[in-house]
């Protein structure tokens, strides 16, 4: 039998009932961030329900709900008697889930801007300004994605089907 590695210390920010969203979703988001940023690798053990609950000062039920959601998304898996671990496909699954969520938020923002009467070009400028501001506020999160985002926004300034070529 292979020895089980002890659960690693997680870098989860303190949870807050005032920080918009249920506590279990804050745990889910924190663990996804740890995985997508490479601090938790495939096969890494996670703390027990009780251990994480004590560390975060939340109920065991809150941690259990977070783990269940992550397991449902294929990001973690549980082995009876051994513990909970990061799945091999966790980084890809985490990225897929985050990308789908980001796309939904962009669609919602574009819809609201259009309902406010903004023309297509102004909506693109608003999106680019938001991306640039976020990159300035969180430079380590963006890496090279800001340049890529600028390229895509610049190349898509015209309505669909009428894309401009970037020089």
Protein backbone atom coordinates (compact mmCIF):
# COMPACT_ATOMS: atom_id res chain seq x y z
CA UNK A 1 0.00 0.00 0.00
CA UNK A 2 1.34 3.44 -0.98
CA UNK A 3 1.83 5.84 1.92
CA UNK A 4 -0.56 8.76 1.88
CA UNK A 5 1.04 12.19 1.80
CA UNK A 6 -0.22 14.61 4.44
CA UNK A 7 -2.63 17.27 3.25
CA UNK A 8 -0.82 20.41 2.17
CA UNK A 9 -1.41 23.76 3.79
CA UNK A 10 -3.83 25.72 1.63
CA UNK A 11 -3.58 29.42 0.92
CA UNK A 12 -7.27 30.20 1.31
CA UNK A 13 -8.03 33.79 2.23
CA UNK A 14 -10.23 34.30 5.26
CA UNK A 15 -13.90 33.78 4.46
CA UNK A 16 -16.46 36.47 5.10
CA UNK A 17 -20.23 36.39 5.27
CA UNK A 18 -20.13 40.01 4.07
CA UNK A 19 -18.05 39.16 0.97
CA UNK A 20 -20.89 38.42 -1.43
CA UNK A 21 -21.74 34.80 -2.02
CA UNK A 22 -22.19 31.85 0.28
CA UNK A 23 -19.21 30.65 2.30
CA UNK A 24 -19.08 27.28 0.51
CA UNK A 25 -18.72 29.07 -2.86
CA UNK A 26 -15.87 31.14 -1.43
CA UNK A 27 -14.16 27.84 -0.57
CA UNK A 28 -14.90 26.45 -4.05
CA UNK A 29 -13.48 29.57 -5.73
CA UNK A 30 -10.39 29.56 -3.50
CA UNK A 31 -9.62 25.91 -4.23
CA UNK A 32 -10.15 26.42 -7.96
CA UNK A 33 -7.76 29.36 -7.85
CA UNK A 34 -5.15 27.28 -5.95
CA UNK A 35 -5.43 24.58 -8.64
CA UNK A 36 -5.51 26.84 -11.70
CA UNK A 37 -2.50 28.81 -10.43
CA UNK A 38 -0.53 25.59 -9.89
CA UNK A 39 -0.26 25.66 -6.10
CA UNK A 40 -2.25 22.42 -5.88
CA UNK A 41 -1.18 19.74 -8.34
CA UNK A 42 -2.95 16.60 -9.49
CA UNK A 43 -2.96 13.98 -6.76
CA UNK A 44 -2.36 16.50 -3.98
CA UNK A 45 -4.28 15.60 -0.83
CA UNK A 46 -6.77 18.09 0.56
CA UNK A 47 -7.52 18.60 4.24
CA UNK A 48 -10.34 16.60 5.79
CA UNK A 49 -13.76 18.23 6.11
CA UNK A 50 -13.16 18.75 9.80
CA UNK A 51 -9.56 19.99 9.36
CA UNK A 52 -10.48 22.61 6.77
CA UNK A 53 -13.58 23.64 8.73
CA UNK A 54 -11.43 24.26 11.82
CA UNK A 55 -8.83 26.16 9.80
CA UNK A 56 -11.44 28.40 8.12
CA UNK A 57 -13.71 28.72 11.18
CA UNK A 58 -16.77 27.40 9.34
CA UNK A 59 -19.02 24.41 9.85
CA UNK A 60 -18.12 20.95 8.57
CA UNK A 61 -21.32 21.08 6.48
CA UNK A 62 -20.01 24.17 4.66
CA UNK A 63 -16.77 22.40 3.71
CA UNK A 64 -18.66 19.22 2.77
CA UNK A 65 -20.90 21.21 0.42
CA UNK A 66 -17.87 22.88 -1.20
CA UNK A 67 -16.10 19.53 -1.68
CA UNK A 68 -19.27 17.98 -3.13
CA UNK A 69 -19.52 20.76 -5.72
CA UNK A 70 -15.85 20.39 -6.65
CA UNK A 71 -16.29 16.63 -6.93
CA UNK A 72 -19.37 17.07 -9.13
CA UNK A 73 -17.28 19.34 -11.41
CA UNK A 74 -14.55 16.68 -11.64
CA UNK A 75 -11.97 18.86 -9.91
CA UNK A 76 -11.44 16.64 -6.87
CA UNK A 77 -12.17 13.01 -5.96
CA UNK A 78 -12.60 11.13 -2.71
CA UNK A 79 -11.25 7.71 -1.75
CA UNK A 80 -12.87 5.97 1.18
CA UNK A 81 -10.39 5.71 4.03
CA UNK A 82 -7.69 7.67 2.18
CA UNK A 83 -9.07 11.19 1.82
CA UNK A 84 -9.83 13.80 -0.81
CA UNK A 85 -7.44 14.58 -3.66
CA UNK A 86 -7.03 16.93 -6.63
CA UNK A 87 -8.02 15.09 -9.81
CA UNK A 88 -5.67 14.71 -12.78
CA UNK A 89 -7.99 16.82 -14.94
CA UNK A 90 -8.48 19.47 -12.23
CA UNK A 91 -6.55 22.32 -13.86
CA UNK A 92 -8.34 21.82 -17.19
CA UNK A 93 -11.75 21.41 -15.52
CA UNK A 94 -11.15 24.43 -13.30
CA UNK A 95 -10.16 26.49 -16.34
CA UNK A 96 -13.21 25.27 -18.29
CA UNK A 97 -15.57 26.18 -15.46
CA UNK A 98 -13.93 29.59 -14.99
CA UNK A 99 -14.02 30.25 -18.75
CA UNK A 100 -17.70 29.35 -18.98
CA UNK A 101 -18.46 31.59 -16.00
CA UNK A 102 -16.42 34.47 -17.48
CA UNK A 103 -18.22 34.09 -20.82
CA UNK A 104 -21.59 34.22 -19.07
CA UNK A 105 -20.55 37.37 -17.21
CA UNK A 106 -19.34 39.00 -20.43
CA UNK A 107 -22.63 38.13 -22.16
CA UNK A 108 -24.58 39.59 -19.24
CA UNK A 109 -22.47 42.77 -19.29
CA UNK A 110 -22.83 43.14 -23.08
CA UNK A 111 -26.60 42.62 -22.83
CA UNK A 112 -26.90 45.26 -20.08
CA UNK A 113 -24.75 47.72 -22.04
CA UNK A 114 -26.87 47.16 -25.16
CA UNK A 115 -30.05 47.63 -23.12
CA UNK A 116 -28.57 50.91 -21.85
CA UNK A 117 -28.35 52.00 -25.50
CA UNK A 118 -24.60 51.76 -25.99
CA UNK A 119 -23.50 51.05 -29.57
CA UNK A 120 -21.42 47.98 -30.40
CA UNK A 121 -18.13 49.89 -30.56
CA UNK A 122 -18.73 51.50 -27.15
CA UNK A 123 -19.47 48.10 -25.62
CA UNK A 124 -16.12 46.79 -26.93
CA UNK A 125 -14.34 49.86 -25.56
CA UNK A 126 -16.03 49.35 -22.19
CA UNK A 127 -14.92 45.69 -22.14
CA UNK A 128 -11.36 46.62 -23.06
CA UNK A 129 -11.25 49.32 -20.38
CA UNK A 130 -12.50 46.82 -17.77
CA UNK A 131 -9.88 44.25 -18.80
CA UNK A 132 -7.09 46.85 -18.68
CA UNK A 133 -8.24 48.11 -15.27
CA UNK A 134 -8.35 44.57 -13.90
CA UNK A 135 -4.87 43.87 -15.30
CA UNK A 136 -3.56 46.99 -13.55
CA UNK A 137 -5.28 46.01 -10.30
CA UNK A 138 -4.16 42.35 -10.48
CA UNK A 139 -1.00 42.14 -12.66
CA UNK A 140 0.07 38.69 -11.45
CA UNK A 141 -3.27 37.17 -12.42
CA UNK A 142 -3.12 38.25 -16.05
CA UNK A 143 0.35 37.28 -17.20
CA UNK A 144 0.39 37.74 -20.98
CA UNK A 145 -3.37 37.66 -21.35
CA UNK A 146 -3.68 41.46 -21.47
CA UNK A 147 -1.73 41.67 -24.73
CA UNK A 148 -3.79 38.81 -26.14
CA UNK A 149 -7.02 40.50 -25.04
CA UNK A 150 -5.93 43.78 -26.66
CA UNK A 151 -5.13 41.94 -29.88
CA UNK A 152 -8.52 40.22 -29.96
CA UNK A 153 -10.42 43.39 -29.11
CA UNK A 154 -8.51 45.39 -31.71
CA UNK A 155 -9.13 42.76 -34.36
CA UNK A 156 -12.84 42.57 -33.60
CA UNK A 157 -13.79 46.24 -33.60
CA UNK A 158 -16.34 45.73 -36.36
CA UNK A 159 -19.55 43.75 -36.01
CA UNK A 160 -19.36 39.99 -36.58
CA UNK A 161 -18.63 38.98 -40.12
CA UNK A 162 -16.82 42.28 -40.77
CA UNK A 163 -13.61 41.78 -38.81
CA UNK A 164 -10.75 44.21 -39.34
CA UNK A 165 -7.32 42.81 -40.03
CA UNK A 166 -4.63 43.70 -37.54
CA UNK A 167 -1.48 45.17 -39.09
